């Protein structure tokens, strides 16, 4: 099986953190979608962080999934934040419909 495509953890304050790894392409689309939807619709944390610090790229399907989950999270009163490793990925997410207010460049915060 190798390295898992993503890790999920719950912080002490209840924040759910989802951290995919590498190039998140078509072969990861179902897993990412299922984990995001489960977190928002079933776990319903106050905050969900999609930590993309270890992601080298997102394909168009996964960019759309991330954009859609932000709207679904709003419907379920879950605050979604996306930690981006680069301004390029942040630009791609914004172009896919993700509000810039959800984006946090990882270089601006300590890990």
N, C-alpha and C. Protein backbone atom coordinates (compact mmCIF):
# COMPACT_ATOMS: atom_id res chain seq x y z
N UNK A 1 0.81 -1.19 0.00
CA UNK A 1 0.00 0.00 0.00
C UNK A 1 0.86 1.26 0.00
N UNK A 2 1.94 1.32 0.79
CA UNK A 2 2.80 2.48 0.81
C UNK A 2 2.27 3.57 1.72
N UNK A 3 2.73 4.78 1.46
CA UNK A 3 2.34 5.93 2.25
C UNK A 3 0.89 6.29 1.98
N UNK A 4 0.10 6.55 3.04
CA UNK A 4 -1.29 6.94 2.81
C UNK A 4 -1.37 8.27 2.06
N UNK A 5 -2.40 8.43 1.26
CA UNK A 5 -2.57 9.65 0.47
C UNK A 5 -2.88 10.84 1.35
N UNK A 6 -3.46 10.61 2.52
CA UNK A 6 -3.75 11.71 3.42
C UNK A 6 -3.84 11.24 4.86
N UNK A 7 -3.59 12.18 5.77
CA UNK A 7 -3.71 11.93 7.21
C UNK A 7 -4.84 12.79 7.74
N UNK A 8 -5.53 12.27 8.76
CA UNK A 8 -6.60 13.03 9.40
C UNK A 8 -6.36 12.97 10.90
N UNK A 9 -6.47 14.12 11.55
CA UNK A 9 -6.34 14.16 13.00
C UNK A 9 -7.32 15.17 13.56
N UNK A 10 -7.61 15.04 14.83
CA UNK A 10 -8.44 16.01 15.54
C UNK A 10 -7.58 16.63 16.63
N UNK A 11 -7.43 17.95 16.58
CA UNK A 11 -6.65 18.66 17.58
C UNK A 11 -7.41 18.75 18.90
N UNK A 12 -6.72 19.14 19.95
CA UNK A 12 -7.34 19.21 21.28
C UNK A 12 -8.51 20.19 21.35
N UNK A 13 -8.54 21.19 20.47
CA UNK A 13 -9.65 22.15 20.46
C UNK A 13 -10.81 21.68 19.59
N UNK A 14 -10.71 20.47 19.02
CA UNK A 14 -11.79 19.93 18.19
C UNK A 14 -11.63 20.18 16.71
N UNK A 15 -10.61 20.94 16.32
CA UNK A 15 -10.37 21.21 14.90
C UNK A 15 -9.95 19.92 14.20
N UNK A 16 -10.60 19.62 13.09
CA UNK A 16 -10.22 18.47 12.27
C UNK A 16 -9.23 18.97 11.22
N UNK A 17 -8.07 18.31 11.16
CA UNK A 17 -7.02 18.68 10.21
C UNK A 17 -6.85 17.53 9.23
N UNK A 18 -6.99 17.84 7.95
CA UNK A 18 -6.81 16.85 6.88
C UNK A 18 -5.57 17.27 6.11
N UNK A 19 -4.62 16.33 5.99
CA UNK A 19 -3.34 16.66 5.35
C UNK A 19 -3.02 15.65 4.25
N UNK A 20 -3.32 16.01 2.99
CA UNK A 20 -2.93 15.16 1.86
C UNK A 20 -1.42 15.28 1.60
N UNK A 21 -0.90 14.34 0.82
CA UNK A 21 0.53 14.31 0.52
C UNK A 21 0.77 14.20 -0.98
N UNK A 22 1.83 14.87 -1.45
CA UNK A 22 2.28 14.73 -2.82
C UNK A 22 1.37 15.38 -3.84
N UNK A 23 1.38 14.82 -5.04
CA UNK A 23 0.52 15.29 -6.11
C UNK A 23 -0.85 14.64 -5.93
N UNK A 24 -1.86 15.45 -5.65
CA UNK A 24 -3.21 14.93 -5.41
C UNK A 24 -3.94 14.96 -6.75
N UNK A 25 -3.99 13.80 -7.37
CA UNK A 25 -4.56 13.69 -8.70
C UNK A 25 -5.83 12.85 -8.73
N UNK A 26 -6.20 12.43 -9.91
CA UNK A 26 -7.42 11.66 -10.11
C UNK A 26 -7.49 10.41 -9.24
N UNK A 27 -6.36 9.76 -9.02
CA UNK A 27 -6.36 8.54 -8.22
C UNK A 27 -6.65 8.79 -6.74
N UNK A 28 -6.65 10.05 -6.30
CA UNK A 28 -6.96 10.41 -4.92
C UNK A 28 -8.30 11.12 -4.77
N UNK A 29 -8.98 11.34 -5.88
CA UNK A 29 -10.19 12.17 -5.87
C UNK A 29 -11.29 11.59 -4.99
N UNK A 30 -11.52 10.31 -5.08
CA UNK A 30 -12.61 9.70 -4.29
C UNK A 30 -12.27 9.76 -2.80
N UNK A 31 -11.05 9.39 -2.46
CA UNK A 31 -10.66 9.39 -1.04
C UNK A 31 -10.75 10.79 -0.43
N UNK A 32 -10.21 11.78 -1.13
CA UNK A 32 -10.26 13.15 -0.61
C UNK A 32 -11.70 13.62 -0.45
N UNK A 33 -12.52 13.38 -1.46
CA UNK A 33 -13.93 13.80 -1.38
C UNK A 33 -14.63 13.11 -0.22
N UNK A 34 -14.45 11.82 -0.07
CA UNK A 34 -15.13 11.09 1.01
C UNK A 34 -14.71 11.60 2.39
N UNK A 35 -13.42 11.84 2.57
CA UNK A 35 -12.93 12.32 3.86
C UNK A 35 -13.46 13.72 4.16
N UNK A 36 -13.43 14.60 3.18
CA UNK A 36 -13.93 15.96 3.38
C UNK A 36 -15.43 15.98 3.68
N UNK A 37 -16.20 15.25 2.90
CA UNK A 37 -17.65 15.22 3.11
C UNK A 37 -17.99 14.59 4.47
N UNK A 38 -17.32 13.51 4.83
CA UNK A 38 -17.56 12.87 6.13
C UNK A 38 -17.26 13.86 7.26
N UNK A 39 -16.13 14.56 7.15
CA UNK A 39 -15.77 15.51 8.20
C UNK A 39 -16.82 16.61 8.36
N UNK A 40 -17.26 17.16 7.24
CA UNK A 40 -18.21 18.28 7.30
C UNK A 40 -19.63 17.81 7.68
N UNK A 41 -20.10 16.75 7.06
CA UNK A 41 -21.49 16.35 7.27
C UNK A 41 -21.72 15.46 8.48
N UNK A 42 -20.73 14.67 8.88
CA UNK A 42 -20.92 13.74 10.00
C UNK A 42 -20.22 14.22 11.28
N UNK A 43 -18.95 14.61 11.18
CA UNK A 43 -18.21 15.05 12.36
C UNK A 43 -18.62 16.46 12.78
N UNK A 44 -18.85 17.32 11.80
CA UNK A 44 -19.28 18.71 12.00
C UNK A 44 -18.47 19.46 13.05
N UNK A 45 -17.14 19.54 12.85
CA UNK A 45 -16.33 20.31 13.80
C UNK A 45 -16.59 21.80 13.62
N UNK A 46 -16.20 22.58 14.60
CA UNK A 46 -16.33 24.03 14.44
C UNK A 46 -15.38 24.51 13.35
N UNK A 47 -14.18 23.88 13.27
CA UNK A 47 -13.18 24.25 12.28
C UNK A 47 -12.63 23.01 11.58
N UNK A 48 -12.41 23.17 10.29
CA UNK A 48 -11.75 22.14 9.49
C UNK A 48 -10.59 22.82 8.78
N UNK A 49 -9.40 22.25 8.91
CA UNK A 49 -8.23 22.78 8.24
C UNK A 49 -7.78 21.76 7.21
N UNK A 50 -7.68 22.20 5.97
CA UNK A 50 -7.11 21.38 4.91
C UNK A 50 -5.67 21.86 4.75
N UNK A 51 -4.74 21.08 5.28
CA UNK A 51 -3.33 21.44 5.31
C UNK A 51 -2.64 20.91 4.06
N UNK A 52 -2.33 21.81 3.14
CA UNK A 52 -1.74 21.42 1.87
C UNK A 52 -0.22 21.64 1.85
N UNK A 53 0.39 21.73 3.02
CA UNK A 53 1.83 22.00 3.11
C UNK A 53 2.67 20.92 2.42
N UNK A 54 2.17 19.70 2.37
CA UNK A 54 2.92 18.59 1.79
C UNK A 54 2.41 18.22 0.40
N UNK A 55 1.60 19.12 -0.19
CA UNK A 55 1.01 18.86 -1.51
C UNK A 55 1.81 19.60 -2.58
N UNK A 56 2.17 18.86 -3.63
CA UNK A 56 2.92 19.48 -4.73
C UNK A 56 1.99 19.99 -5.82
N UNK A 57 0.74 19.56 -5.81
CA UNK A 57 -0.23 20.04 -6.79
C UNK A 57 -1.58 19.37 -6.62
N UNK A 58 -2.62 20.04 -7.09
CA UNK A 58 -3.98 19.51 -7.09
C UNK A 58 -4.49 19.53 -8.52
N UNK A 59 -5.08 18.42 -8.96
CA UNK A 59 -5.64 18.40 -10.31
C UNK A 59 -6.99 19.13 -10.31
N UNK A 60 -7.55 19.42 -11.48
CA UNK A 60 -8.82 20.18 -11.54
C UNK A 60 -9.98 19.53 -10.79
N UNK A 61 -10.05 18.21 -10.78
CA UNK A 61 -11.14 17.53 -10.04
C UNK A 61 -11.04 17.86 -8.55
N UNK A 62 -9.84 17.75 -7.99
CA UNK A 62 -9.66 18.00 -6.57
C UNK A 62 -9.76 19.48 -6.22
N UNK A 63 -9.35 20.36 -7.14
CA UNK A 63 -9.58 21.79 -6.92
C UNK A 63 -11.08 22.06 -6.80
N UNK A 64 -11.86 21.45 -7.67
CA UNK A 64 -13.33 21.61 -7.60
C UNK A 64 -13.91 21.02 -6.34
N UNK A 65 -13.37 19.90 -5.89
CA UNK A 65 -13.84 19.28 -4.65
C UNK A 65 -13.60 20.20 -3.47
N UNK A 66 -12.42 20.78 -3.40
CA UNK A 66 -12.11 21.70 -2.30
C UNK A 66 -13.03 22.92 -2.34
N UNK A 67 -13.26 23.45 -3.51
CA UNK A 67 -14.17 24.58 -3.65
C UNK A 67 -15.59 24.21 -3.19
N UNK A 68 -16.06 23.06 -3.63
CA UNK A 68 -17.42 22.62 -3.27
C UNK A 68 -17.56 22.38 -1.78
N UNK A 69 -16.53 21.80 -1.16
CA UNK A 69 -16.65 21.50 0.27
C UNK A 69 -16.74 22.77 1.09
N UNK A 70 -16.16 23.85 0.60
CA UNK A 70 -16.27 25.13 1.31
C UNK A 70 -17.73 25.57 1.37
N UNK A 71 -18.46 25.43 0.27
CA UNK A 71 -19.89 25.79 0.26
C UNK A 71 -20.70 24.85 1.14
N UNK A 72 -20.41 23.57 1.08
CA UNK A 72 -21.12 22.60 1.92
C UNK A 72 -20.84 22.89 3.39
N UNK A 73 -19.60 23.21 3.71
CA UNK A 73 -19.25 23.52 5.10
C UNK A 73 -20.02 24.74 5.60
N UNK A 74 -20.18 25.75 4.76
CA UNK A 74 -20.97 26.92 5.15
C UNK A 74 -22.38 26.51 5.52
N UNK A 75 -22.97 25.61 4.76
CA UNK A 75 -24.33 25.13 5.03
C UNK A 75 -24.42 24.40 6.37
N UNK A 76 -23.31 23.82 6.82
CA UNK A 76 -23.28 23.05 8.07
C UNK A 76 -22.58 23.80 9.21
N UNK A 77 -22.35 25.10 9.02
CA UNK A 77 -21.71 25.96 10.02
C UNK A 77 -20.34 25.44 10.45
N UNK A 78 -19.55 24.98 9.50
CA UNK A 78 -18.18 24.54 9.75
C UNK A 78 -17.26 25.54 9.07
N UNK A 79 -16.36 26.14 9.84
CA UNK A 79 -15.39 27.08 9.28
C UNK A 79 -14.26 26.29 8.64
N UNK A 80 -13.99 26.56 7.36
CA UNK A 80 -12.94 25.85 6.63
C UNK A 80 -11.79 26.81 6.35
N UNK A 81 -10.59 26.36 6.66
CA UNK A 81 -9.38 27.11 6.35
C UNK A 81 -8.45 26.19 5.56
N UNK A 82 -7.74 26.77 4.62
CA UNK A 82 -6.85 25.99 3.76
C UNK A 82 -5.46 26.56 3.89
N UNK A 83 -4.55 25.74 4.40
CA UNK A 83 -3.15 26.13 4.50
C UNK A 83 -2.47 25.77 3.19
N UNK A 84 -1.94 26.77 2.49
CA UNK A 84 -1.34 26.57 1.17
C UNK A 84 0.17 26.70 1.25
N UNK A 85 0.89 25.83 0.53
CA UNK A 85 2.34 25.93 0.55
C UNK A 85 2.88 27.02 -0.37
N UNK A 86 2.04 27.53 -1.26
CA UNK A 86 2.55 28.52 -2.22
C UNK A 86 1.44 29.44 -2.70
N UNK A 87 1.88 30.59 -3.21
CA UNK A 87 0.94 31.53 -3.80
C UNK A 87 0.34 30.96 -5.08
N UNK A 88 1.08 30.11 -5.78
CA UNK A 88 0.56 29.50 -7.02
C UNK A 88 -0.64 28.62 -6.70
N UNK A 89 -0.52 27.75 -5.69
CA UNK A 89 -1.64 26.89 -5.32
C UNK A 89 -2.81 27.73 -4.80
N UNK A 90 -2.51 28.77 -4.04
CA UNK A 90 -3.56 29.67 -3.55
C UNK A 90 -4.30 30.31 -4.73
N UNK A 91 -3.58 30.70 -5.77
CA UNK A 91 -4.20 31.27 -6.96
C UNK A 91 -5.08 30.28 -7.68
N UNK A 92 -4.64 29.03 -7.77
CA UNK A 92 -5.45 27.99 -8.41
C UNK A 92 -6.74 27.75 -7.62
N UNK A 93 -6.63 27.73 -6.29
CA UNK A 93 -7.83 27.53 -5.46
C UNK A 93 -8.79 28.70 -5.61
N UNK A 94 -8.26 29.92 -5.63
CA UNK A 94 -9.10 31.10 -5.81
C UNK A 94 -9.80 31.04 -7.17
N UNK A 95 -9.07 30.65 -8.21
CA UNK A 95 -9.66 30.53 -9.54
C UNK A 95 -10.75 29.46 -9.58
N UNK A 96 -10.63 28.45 -8.70
CA UNK A 96 -11.63 27.38 -8.63
C UNK A 96 -12.85 27.79 -7.80
N UNK A 97 -12.80 28.98 -7.20
CA UNK A 97 -13.96 29.48 -6.46
C UNK A 97 -13.80 29.53 -4.96
N UNK A 98 -12.62 29.20 -4.44
CA UNK A 98 -12.38 29.26 -3.00
C UNK A 98 -12.12 30.72 -2.62
N UNK A 99 -12.82 31.18 -1.60
CA UNK A 99 -12.66 32.56 -1.14
C UNK A 99 -11.25 32.76 -0.57
N UNK A 100 -10.59 33.86 -0.96
CA UNK A 100 -9.25 34.14 -0.42
C UNK A 100 -9.22 34.24 1.10
N UNK A 101 -10.34 34.55 1.73
CA UNK A 101 -10.35 34.65 3.20
C UNK A 101 -10.14 33.31 3.88
N UNK A 102 -10.33 32.22 3.14
CA UNK A 102 -10.12 30.88 3.70
C UNK A 102 -8.66 30.44 3.60
N UNK A 103 -7.87 31.13 2.78
CA UNK A 103 -6.52 30.68 2.49
C UNK A 103 -5.51 31.28 3.45
N UNK A 104 -4.58 30.43 3.89
CA UNK A 104 -3.49 30.87 4.75
C UNK A 104 -2.20 30.31 4.15
N UNK A 105 -1.32 31.20 3.74
CA UNK A 105 -0.03 30.75 3.21
C UNK A 105 0.80 30.22 4.38
N UNK A 106 1.32 29.02 4.27
CA UNK A 106 2.03 28.39 5.37
C UNK A 106 3.28 29.15 5.76
N UNK A 107 3.82 29.93 4.85
CA UNK A 107 5.02 30.69 5.18
C UNK A 107 4.72 31.81 6.17
N UNK A 108 3.45 32.14 6.38
CA UNK A 108 3.10 33.24 7.28
C UNK A 108 2.76 32.76 8.67
N UNK A 109 2.85 31.45 8.93
CA UNK A 109 2.55 30.96 10.26
C UNK A 109 3.59 29.92 10.67
N UNK A 110 3.70 29.71 11.94
CA UNK A 110 4.66 28.71 12.41
C UNK A 110 4.00 27.35 12.44
N UNK A 111 4.78 26.34 12.20
CA UNK A 111 4.26 24.97 12.17
C UNK A 111 4.56 24.28 13.45
